[in-house]
Amino acid sequence: MIKGEQCRALPFNYKARTGATDTKKAKDQPFTIFVKNCPKDWTHEDLYDHFKQYGNVLSAKMSIDGNFKSRGYAFVTFETTKSG
């Protein structure tokens, strides 16, 4: 839940993204999630502030249009899968 609204956070498939087959090694790699249904008024900082409670966030990026308005989805990268 974000600001009382239900959102979805979906993990990227590490194996498909990198071709890696070693799942132990994959757990120690940065882990990115796709977040859907974000509030339209959120900034990158708002996104970061919300997800830092789940672990060490390396990157938090809202998708924005040409007028710098949120498209309602984002990507958050955690330091490892253990933090995400």
PDB file of N, CA and C in Angstrom:
ATOM      1  N   MET A   1       0.848  -1.175   0.000  1.00  0.00           N
ATOM      2  CA  MET A   1       0.000   0.000   0.000  1.00  0.00           C
ATOM      3  C   MET A   1       0.898   1.243   0.000  1.00  0.00           C
ATOM      4  N   ILE A   2       0.564   2.182  -0.872  1.00  0.00           N
ATOM      5  CA  ILE A   2       1.251   3.464  -0.924  1.00  0.00           C
ATOM      6  C   ILE A   2       0.190   4.540  -0.876  1.00  0.00           C
ATOM      7  N   LYS A   3       0.257   5.379   0.157  1.00  0.00           N
ATOM      8  CA  LYS A   3      -0.732   6.446   0.346  1.00  0.00           C
ATOM      9  C   LYS A   3      -2.156   5.898   0.278  1.00  0.00           C
ATOM     10  N   GLY A   4      -2.368   4.736   0.876  1.00  0.00           N
ATOM     11  CA  GLY A   4      -3.693   4.135   0.917  1.00  0.00           C
ATOM     12  C   GLY A   4      -4.139   3.452  -0.360  1.00  0.00           C
ATOM     13  N   GLU A   5      -3.297   3.462  -1.381  1.00  0.00           N
ATOM     14  CA  GLU A   5      -3.625   2.832  -2.664  1.00  0.00           C
ATOM     15  C   GLU A   5      -2.796   1.560  -2.831  1.00  0.00           C
ATOM     16  N   GLN A   6      -3.412   0.540  -3.397  1.00  0.00           N
ATOM     17  CA  GLN A   6      -2.685  -0.696  -3.639  1.00  0.00           C
ATOM     18  C   GLN A   6      -1.778  -0.539  -4.854  1.00  0.00           C
ATOM     19  N   CYS A   7      -0.539  -0.960  -4.703  1.00  0.00           N
ATOM     20  CA  CYS A   7       0.393  -0.939  -5.825  1.00  0.00           C
ATOM     21  C   CYS A   7       0.940  -2.347  -6.002  1.00  0.00           C
ATOM     22  N   ARG A   8       1.659  -2.569  -7.084  1.00  0.00           N
ATOM     23  CA  ARG A   8       2.266  -3.871  -7.346  1.00  0.00           C
ATOM     24  C   ARG A   8       3.756  -3.680  -7.524  1.00  0.00           C
ATOM     25  N   ALA A   9       4.525  -4.559  -6.921  1.00  0.00           N
ATOM     26  CA  ALA A   9       5.974  -4.553  -7.082  1.00  0.00           C
ATOM     27  C   ALA A   9       6.379  -5.926  -7.595  1.00  0.00           C
ATOM     28  N   LEU A  10       6.946  -5.959  -8.783  1.00  0.00           N
ATOM     29  CA  LEU A  10       7.288  -7.216  -9.435  1.00  0.00           C
ATOM     30  C   LEU A  10       8.794  -7.328  -9.624  1.00  0.00           C
ATOM     31  N   PRO A  11       9.389  -8.469  -9.225  1.00  0.00           N
ATOM     32  CA  PRO A  11      10.839  -8.619  -9.418  1.00  0.00           C
ATOM     33  C   PRO A  11      11.183  -8.903 -10.868  1.00  0.00           C
ATOM     34  N   PHE A  12      12.335  -8.394 -11.288  1.00  0.00           N
ATOM     35  CA  PHE A  12      12.876  -8.775 -12.582  1.00  0.00           C
ATOM     36  C   PHE A  12      13.444 -10.177 -12.442  1.00  0.00           C
ATOM     37  N   ASN A  13      13.460 -10.929 -13.496  1.00  0.00           N
ATOM     38  CA  ASN A  13      14.023 -12.267 -13.489  1.00  0.00           C
ATOM     39  C   ASN A  13      15.529 -12.146 -13.697  1.00  0.00           C
ATOM     40  N   TYR A  14      16.307 -12.403 -12.645  1.00  0.00           N
ATOM     41  CA  TYR A  14      17.758 -12.231 -12.715  1.00  0.00           C
ATOM     42  C   TYR A  14      18.374 -13.131 -13.777  1.00  0.00           C
ATOM     43  N   LYS A  15      17.926 -14.373 -13.833  1.00  0.00           N
ATOM     44  CA  LYS A  15      18.490 -15.314 -14.802  1.00  0.00           C
ATOM     45  C   LYS A  15      18.239 -14.843 -16.228  1.00  0.00           C
ATOM     46  N   ALA A  16      17.029 -14.390 -16.506  1.00  0.00           N
ATOM     47  CA  ALA A  16      16.705 -13.919 -17.854  1.00  0.00           C
ATOM     48  C   ALA A  16      17.478 -12.647 -18.186  1.00  0.00           C
ATOM     49  N   ARG A  17      17.677 -11.804 -17.193  1.00  0.00           N
ATOM     50  CA  ARG A  17      18.354 -10.530 -17.408  1.00  0.00           C
ATOM     51  C   ARG A  17      19.842 -10.702 -17.639  1.00  0.00           C
ATOM     52  N   THR A  18      20.474 -11.661 -16.939  1.00  0.00           N
ATOM     53  CA  THR A  18      21.928 -11.771 -17.001  1.00  0.00           C
ATOM     54  C   THR A  18      22.425 -13.080 -17.592  1.00  0.00           C
ATOM     55  N   GLY A  19      21.557 -14.072 -17.695  1.00  0.00           N
ATOM     56  CA  GLY A  19      21.979 -15.388 -18.157  1.00  0.00           C
ATOM     57  C   GLY A  19      22.637 -16.204 -17.067  1.00  0.00           C
ATOM     58  N   ALA A  20      22.656 -15.682 -15.838  1.00  0.00           N
ATOM     59  CA  ALA A  20      23.297 -16.382 -14.723  1.00  0.00           C
ATOM     60  C   ALA A  20      22.499 -17.616 -14.319  1.00  0.00           C
ATOM     61  N   THR A  21      23.215 -18.642 -13.930  1.00  0.00           N
ATOM     62  CA  THR A  21      22.553 -19.856 -13.452  1.00  0.00           C
ATOM     63  C   THR A  21      22.868 -20.129 -11.993  1.00  0.00           C
ATOM     64  N   ASP A  22      23.815 -19.421 -11.412  1.00  0.00           N
ATOM     65  CA  ASP A  22      24.213 -19.615 -10.021  1.00  0.00           C
ATOM     66  C   ASP A  22      23.301 -18.777  -9.125  1.00  0.00           C
ATOM     67  N   THR A  23      22.325 -19.422  -8.472  1.00  0.00           N
ATOM     68  CA  THR A  23      21.359 -18.671  -7.661  1.00  0.00           C
ATOM     69  C   THR A  23      21.994 -18.088  -6.409  1.00  0.00           C
ATOM     70  N   LYS A  24      23.053 -18.718  -5.863  1.00  0.00           N
ATOM     71  CA  LYS A  24      23.736 -18.137  -4.708  1.00  0.00           C
ATOM     72  C   LYS A  24      24.363 -16.807  -5.089  1.00  0.00           C
ATOM     73  N   LYS A  25      25.016 -16.766  -6.245  1.00  0.00           N
ATOM     74  CA  LYS A  25      25.628 -15.524  -6.721  1.00  0.00           C
ATOM     75  C   LYS A  25      24.548 -14.480  -7.004  1.00  0.00           C
ATOM     76  N   ALA A  26      23.428 -14.900  -7.536  1.00  0.00           N
ATOM     77  CA  ALA A  26      22.338 -13.977  -7.855  1.00  0.00           C
ATOM     78  C   ALA A  26      21.830 -13.267  -6.610  1.00  0.00           C
ATOM     79  N   LYS A  27      21.847 -13.942  -5.465  1.00  0.00           N
ATOM     80  CA  LYS A  27      21.356 -13.342  -4.217  1.00  0.00           C
ATOM     81  C   LYS A  27      22.240 -12.206  -3.742  1.00  0.00           C
ATOM     82  N   ASP A  28      23.485 -12.178  -4.185  1.00  0.00           N
ATOM     83  CA  ASP A  28      24.412 -11.132  -3.761  1.00  0.00           C
ATOM     84  C   ASP A  28      24.512  -9.997  -4.768  1.00  0.00           C
ATOM     85  N   GLN A  29      23.701 -10.025  -5.803  1.00  0.00           N
ATOM     86  CA  GLN A  29      23.724  -9.013  -6.850  1.00  0.00           C
ATOM     87  C   GLN A  29      22.642  -7.962  -6.597  1.00  0.00           C
ATOM     88  N   PRO A  30      22.787  -6.775  -7.178  1.00  0.00           N
ATOM     89  CA  PRO A  30      21.704  -5.789  -7.099  1.00  0.00           C
ATOM     90  C   PRO A  30      20.405  -6.396  -7.636  1.00  0.00           C
ATOM     91  N   PHE A  31      19.293  -5.989  -7.057  1.00  0.00           N
ATOM     92  CA  PHE A  31      17.989  -6.567  -7.359  1.00  0.00           C
ATOM     93  C   PHE A  31      17.012  -5.440  -7.685  1.00  0.00           C
ATOM     94  N   THR A  32      16.430  -5.463  -8.874  1.00  0.00           N
ATOM     95  CA  THR A  32      15.527  -4.402  -9.312  1.00  0.00           C
ATOM     96  C   THR A  32      14.093  -4.903  -9.327  1.00  0.00           C
ATOM     97  N   ILE A  33      13.189  -4.052  -8.835  1.00  0.00           N
ATOM     98  CA  ILE A  33      11.763  -4.355  -8.918  1.00  0.00           C
ATOM     99  C   ILE A  33      11.081  -3.281  -9.755  1.00  0.00           C
ATOM    100  N   PHE A  34      10.002  -3.670 -10.396  1.00  0.00           N
ATOM    101  CA  PHE A  34       9.138  -2.778 -11.161  1.00  0.00           C
ATOM    102  C   PHE A  34       7.944  -2.487 -10.275  1.00  0.00           C
ATOM    103  N   VAL A  35       7.639  -1.213 -10.058  1.00  0.00           N
ATOM    104  CA  VAL A  35       6.532  -0.821  -9.187  1.00  0.00           C
ATOM    105  C   VAL A  35       5.457  -0.163 -10.040  1.00  0.00           C
ATOM    106  N   LYS A  36       4.258  -0.714  -9.973  1.00  0.00           N
ATOM    107  CA  LYS A  36       3.135  -0.263 -10.792  1.00  0.00           C
ATOM    108  C   LYS A  36       2.104   0.442  -9.903  1.00  0.00           C
ATOM    109  N   ASN A  37       1.388   1.390 -10.452  1.00  0.00           N
ATOM    110  CA  ASN A  37       0.326   2.138  -9.747  1.00  0.00           C
ATOM    111  C   ASN A  37       0.878   3.076  -8.675  1.00  0.00           C
ATOM    112  N   CYS A  38       1.996   3.724  -8.957  1.00  0.00           N
ATOM    113  CA  CYS A  38       2.548   4.720  -8.040  1.00  0.00           C
ATOM    114  C   CYS A  38       1.688   5.985  -8.093  1.00  0.00           C
ATOM    115  N   PRO A  39       1.646   6.728  -6.991  1.00  0.00           N
ATOM    116  CA  PRO A  39       0.926   7.999  -7.021  1.00  0.00           C
ATOM    117  C   PRO A  39       1.499   8.929  -8.104  1.00  0.00           C
ATOM    118  N   LYS A  40       0.630   9.589  -8.818  1.00  0.00           N
ATOM    119  CA  LYS A  40       1.051  10.448  -9.935  1.00  0.00           C
ATOM    120  C   LYS A  40       1.855  11.671  -9.488  1.00  0.00           C
ATOM    121  N   ASP A  41       1.744  12.035  -8.217  1.00  0.00           N
ATOM    122  CA  ASP A  41       2.466  13.224  -7.741  1.00  0.00           C
ATOM    123  C   ASP A  41       3.828  12.880  -7.128  1.00  0.00           C
ATOM    124  N   TRP A  42       4.237  11.613  -7.179  1.00  0.00           N
ATOM    125  CA  TRP A  42       5.505  11.208  -6.581  1.00  0.00           C
ATOM    126  C   TRP A  42       6.704  11.633  -7.408  1.00  0.00           C
ATOM    127  N   THR A  43       7.783  11.929  -6.685  1.00  0.00           N
ATOM    128  CA  THR A  43       9.078  12.218  -7.291  1.00  0.00           C
ATOM    129  C   THR A  43      10.004  11.021  -7.037  1.00  0.00           C
ATOM    130  N   HIS A  44      11.210  11.071  -7.596  1.00  0.00           N
ATOM    131  CA  HIS A  44      12.190  10.021  -7.324  1.00  0.00           C
ATOM    132  C   HIS A  44      12.461   9.933  -5.820  1.00  0.00           C
ATOM    133  N   GLU A  45      12.516  11.084  -5.164  1.00  0.00           N
ATOM    134  CA  GLU A  45      12.787  11.126  -3.725  1.00  0.00           C
ATOM    135  C   GLU A  45      11.659  10.466  -2.926  1.00  0.00           C
ATOM    136  N   ASP A  46      10.411  10.719  -3.310  1.00  0.00           N
ATOM    137  CA  ASP A  46       9.282  10.081  -2.623  1.00  0.00           C
ATOM    138  C   ASP A  46       9.370   8.561  -2.740  1.00  0.00           C
ATOM    139  N   LEU A  47       9.694   8.093  -3.930  1.00  0.00           N
ATOM    140  CA  LEU A  47       9.836   6.669  -4.177  1.00  0.00           C
ATOM    141  C   LEU A  47      10.946   6.087  -3.297  1.00  0.00           C
ATOM    142  N   TYR A  48      12.092   6.744  -3.290  1.00  0.00           N
ATOM    143  CA  TYR A  48      13.218   6.307  -2.461  1.00  0.00           C
ATOM    144  C   TYR A  48      12.814   6.257  -0.993  1.00  0.00           C
ATOM    145  N   ASP A  49      12.191   7.317  -0.501  1.00  0.00           N
ATOM    146  CA  ASP A  49      11.799   7.387   0.906  1.00  0.00           C
ATOM    147  C   ASP A  49      10.844   6.261   1.291  1.00  0.00           C
ATOM    148  N   HIS A  50       9.950   5.885   0.384  1.00  0.00           N
ATOM    149  CA  HIS A  50       9.015   4.805   0.685  1.00  0.00           C
ATOM    150  C   HIS A  50       9.705   3.447   0.732  1.00  0.00           C
ATOM    151  N   PHE A  51      10.604   3.164  -0.191  1.00  0.00           N
ATOM    152  CA  PHE A  51      11.193   1.832  -0.297  1.00  0.00           C
ATOM    153  C   PHE A  51      12.447   1.621   0.545  1.00  0.00           C
ATOM    154  N   LYS A  52      13.022   2.664   1.115  1.00  0.00           N
ATOM    155  CA  LYS A  52      14.224   2.481   1.932  1.00  0.00           C
ATOM    156  C   LYS A  52      13.949   1.661   3.182  1.00  0.00           C
ATOM    157  N   GLN A  53      12.699   1.563   3.590  1.00  0.00           N
ATOM    158  CA  GLN A  53      12.356   0.746   4.752  1.00  0.00           C
ATOM    159  C   GLN A  53      12.554  -0.753   4.487  1.00  0.00           C
ATOM    160  N   TYR A  54      12.668  -1.142   3.220  1.00  0.00           N
ATOM    161  CA  TYR A  54      12.817  -2.552   2.862  1.00  0.00           C
ATOM    162  C   TYR A  54      14.264  -2.969   2.618  1.00  0.00           C
ATOM    163  N   GLY A  55      15.187  -2.024   2.658  1.00  0.00           N
ATOM    164  CA  GLY A  55      16.594  -2.358   2.472  1.00  0.00           C
ATOM    165  C   GLY A  55      17.372  -1.209   1.863  1.00  0.00           C
ATOM    166  N   ASN A  56      18.635  -1.461   1.573  1.00  0.00           N
ATOM    167  CA  ASN A  56      19.514  -0.436   1.014  1.00  0.00           C
ATOM    168  C   ASN A  56      19.175  -0.201  -0.463  1.00  0.00           C
ATOM    169  N   VAL A  57      18.606   0.950  -0.754  1.00  0.00           N
ATOM    170  CA  VAL A  57      18.180   1.296  -2.115  1.00  0.00           C
ATOM    171  C   VAL A  57      19.344   1.957  -2.846  1.00  0.00           C
ATOM    172  N   LEU A  58      19.734   1.359  -3.971  1.00  0.00           N
ATOM    173  CA  LEU A  58      20.793   1.936  -4.797  1.00  0.00           C
ATOM    174  C   LEU A  58      20.240   2.960  -5.778  1.00  0.00           C
ATOM    175  N   SER A  59      19.007   2.730  -6.240  1.00  0.00           N
ATOM    176  CA  SER A  59      18.407   3.600  -7.243  1.00  0.00           C
ATOM    177  C   SER A  59      16.885   3.538  -7.127  1.00  0.00           C
ATOM    178  N   ALA A  60      16.246   4.688  -7.283  1.00  0.00           N
ATOM    179  CA  ALA A  60      14.786   4.770  -7.275  1.00  0.00           C
ATOM    180  C   ALA A  60      14.384   5.770  -8.361  1.00  0.00           C
ATOM    181  N   LYS A  61      13.784   5.262  -9.433  1.00  0.00           N
ATOM    182  CA  LYS A  61      13.480   6.111 -10.592  1.00  0.00           C
ATOM    183  C   LYS A  61      12.011   6.014 -10.981  1.00  0.00           C
ATOM    184  N   MET A  62      11.342   7.146 -10.950  1.00  0.00           N
ATOM    185  CA  MET A  62       9.978   7.240 -11.454  1.00  0.00           C
ATOM    186  C   MET A  62      10.059   7.419 -12.962  1.00  0.00           C
ATOM    187  N   SER A  63       9.151   6.803 -13.686  1.00  0.00           N
ATOM    188  CA  SER A  63       9.070   7.052 -15.121  1.00  0.00           C
ATOM    189  C   SER A  63       8.260   8.328 -15.308  1.00  0.00           C
ATOM    190  N   ILE A  64       8.822   9.262 -16.084  1.00  0.00           N
ATOM    191  CA  ILE A  64       8.143  10.540 -16.302  1.00  0.00           C
ATOM    192  C   ILE A  64       7.983  10.803 -17.796  1.00  0.00           C
ATOM    193  N   ASP A  65       6.989  11.613 -18.119  1.00  0.00           N
ATOM    194  CA  ASP A  65       6.761  11.950 -19.527  1.00  0.00           C
ATOM    195  C   ASP A  65       7.549  13.208 -19.891  1.00  0.00           C
ATOM    196  N   GLY A  66       7.341  13.724 -21.084  1.00  0.00           N
ATOM    197  CA  GLY A  66       8.062  14.899 -21.571  1.00  0.00           C
ATOM    198  C   GLY A  66       7.787  16.170 -20.788  1.00  0.00           C
ATOM    199  N   ASN A  67       6.685  16.177 -20.029  1.00  0.00           N
ATOM    200  CA  ASN A  67       6.343  17.342 -19.203  1.00  0.00           C
ATOM    201  C   ASN A  67       6.737  17.138 -17.745  1.00  0.00           C
ATOM    202  N   PHE A  68       7.569  16.127 -17.496  1.00  0.00           N
ATOM    203  CA  PHE A  68       8.052  15.796 -16.156  1.00  0.00           C
ATOM    204  C   PHE A  68       6.935  15.372 -15.213  1.00  0.00           C
ATOM    205  N   LYS A  69       5.896  14.765 -15.743  1.00  0.00           N
ATOM    206  CA  LYS A  69       4.787  14.223 -14.943  1.00  0.00           C
ATOM    207  C   LYS A  69       4.975  12.713 -14.834  1.00  0.00           C
ATOM    208  N   SER A  70       4.642  12.164 -13.673  1.00  0.00           N
ATOM    209  CA  SER A  70       4.778  10.731 -13.448  1.00  0.00           C
ATOM    210  C   SER A  70       3.863   9.937 -14.371  1.00  0.00           C
ATOM    211  N   ARG A  71       4.368   8.818 -14.854  1.00  0.00           N
ATOM    212  CA  ARG A  71       3.555   7.898 -15.651  1.00  0.00           C
ATOM    213  C   ARG A  71       2.897   6.836 -14.770  1.00  0.00           C
ATOM    214  N   GLY A  72       3.169   6.866 -13.460  1.00  0.00           N
ATOM    215  CA  GLY A  72       2.526   5.940 -12.529  1.00  0.00           C
ATOM    216  C   GLY A  72       3.269   4.632 -12.313  1.00  0.00           C
ATOM    217  N   TYR A  73       4.491   4.532 -12.836  1.00  0.00           N
ATOM    218  CA  TYR A  73       5.285   3.338 -12.555  1.00  0.00           C
ATOM    219  C   TYR A  73       6.735   3.731 -12.335  1.00  0.00           C
ATOM    220  N   ALA A  74       7.488   2.796 -11.731  1.00  0.00           N
ATOM    221  CA  ALA A  74       8.859   3.122 -11.346  1.00  0.00           C
ATOM    222  C   ALA A  74       9.709   1.860 -11.249  1.00  0.00           C
ATOM    223  N   PHE A  75      11.007   2.079 -11.079  1.00  0.00           N
ATOM    224  CA  PHE A  75      11.969   1.001 -10.882  1.00  0.00           C
ATOM    225  C   PHE A  75      12.783   1.312  -9.633  1.00  0.00           C
ATOM    226  N   VAL A  76      12.914   0.322  -8.762  1.00  0.00           N
ATOM    227  CA  VAL A  76      13.705   0.464  -7.539  1.00  0.00           C
ATOM    228  C   VAL A  76      14.753  -0.641  -7.534  1.00  0.00           C
ATOM    229  N   THR A  77      16.026  -0.267  -7.347  1.00  0.00           N
ATOM    230  CA  THR A  77      17.106  -1.248  -7.286  1.00  0.00           C
ATOM    231  C   THR A  77      17.662  -1.283  -5.871  1.00  0.00           C
ATOM    232  N   PHE A  78      17.622  -2.492  -5.296  1.00  0.00           N
ATOM    233  CA  PHE A  78      18.189  -2.715  -3.964  1.00  0.00           C
ATOM    234  C   PHE A  78      19.603  -3.253  -4.107  1.00  0.00           C
ATOM    235  N   GLU A  79      20.390  -3.091  -3.034  1.00  0.00           N
ATOM    236  CA  GLU A  79      21.778  -3.545  -3.050  1.00  0.00           C
ATOM    237  C   GLU A  79      21.871  -5.052  -3.311  1.00  0.00           C
ATOM    238  N   THR A  80      21.035  -5.833  -2.648  1.00  0.00           N
ATOM    239  CA  THR A  80      21.007  -7.291  -2.849  1.00  0.00           C
ATOM    240  C   THR A  80      19.573  -7.786  -2.759  1.00  0.00           C
ATOM    241  N   THR A  81      19.335  -9.013  -3.160  1.00  0.00           N
ATOM    242  CA  THR A  81      17.998  -9.590  -3.040  1.00  0.00           C
ATOM    243  C   THR A  81      17.615  -9.741  -1.578  1.00  0.00           C
ATOM    244  N   LYS A  82      18.582  -9.819  -0.703  1.00  0.00           N
ATOM    245  CA  LYS A  82      18.300  -9.941   0.731  1.00  0.00           C
ATOM    246  C   LYS A  82      17.662  -8.672   1.281  1.00  0.00           C
ATOM    247  N   SER A  83      17.983  -7.512   0.699  1.00  0.00           N
ATOM    248  CA  SER A  83      17.384  -6.267   1.171  1.00  0.00           C
ATOM    249  C   SER A  83      16.033  -6.016   0.539  1.00  0.00           C
ATOM    250  N   GLY A  84      15.815  -6.467  -0.685  1.00  0.00           N
ATOM    251  CA  GLY A  84      14.545  -6.255  -1.363  1.00  0.00           C
ATOM    252  C   GLY A  84      13.556  -7.266  -0.941  1.00  0.00           C
TER     253      GLY A  84
END
